[in-house]
């Protein structure tokens, strides 16, 4: 009985280590997570007709996109396609920033942020290598 309990304790103690080892195999990309946080905080309110977050954080969106662009591309992403798509994302964020500065109407801003959101999803999905 003691041997069983001791074995059970050892196995249970190993579960977090096993879980960590499995999740650490997948490459994390902190710059993508940071960009996504700003994107989510601007795109989703705009979808619902609230453009204040986008108007106030357009410059932050551009800064996050540029930081993501110059970061190291994880090994599980296609390097050429990812680099090209991140260039498009930065250019799109520049258009958003310019439109906000020019006091563009909500319809135009929605189109621009929607395009940036689609480009983001291309990087996050299509630019990944098949596993």
Foldseek 3Di string as FASTA:
>chain_A
DVVVVVVVVVVVVCVVVVVVVVVVVDDDQVLLVQLVVLLCQQLVVLVVVDRVSLLVCLVVNLVSLVVSLPDDDDPQFQVVVLNVLSVVLNVLSVVSNVCSVVVHDSVVNNVSSVVSVVSSVCNVPVRGHDD
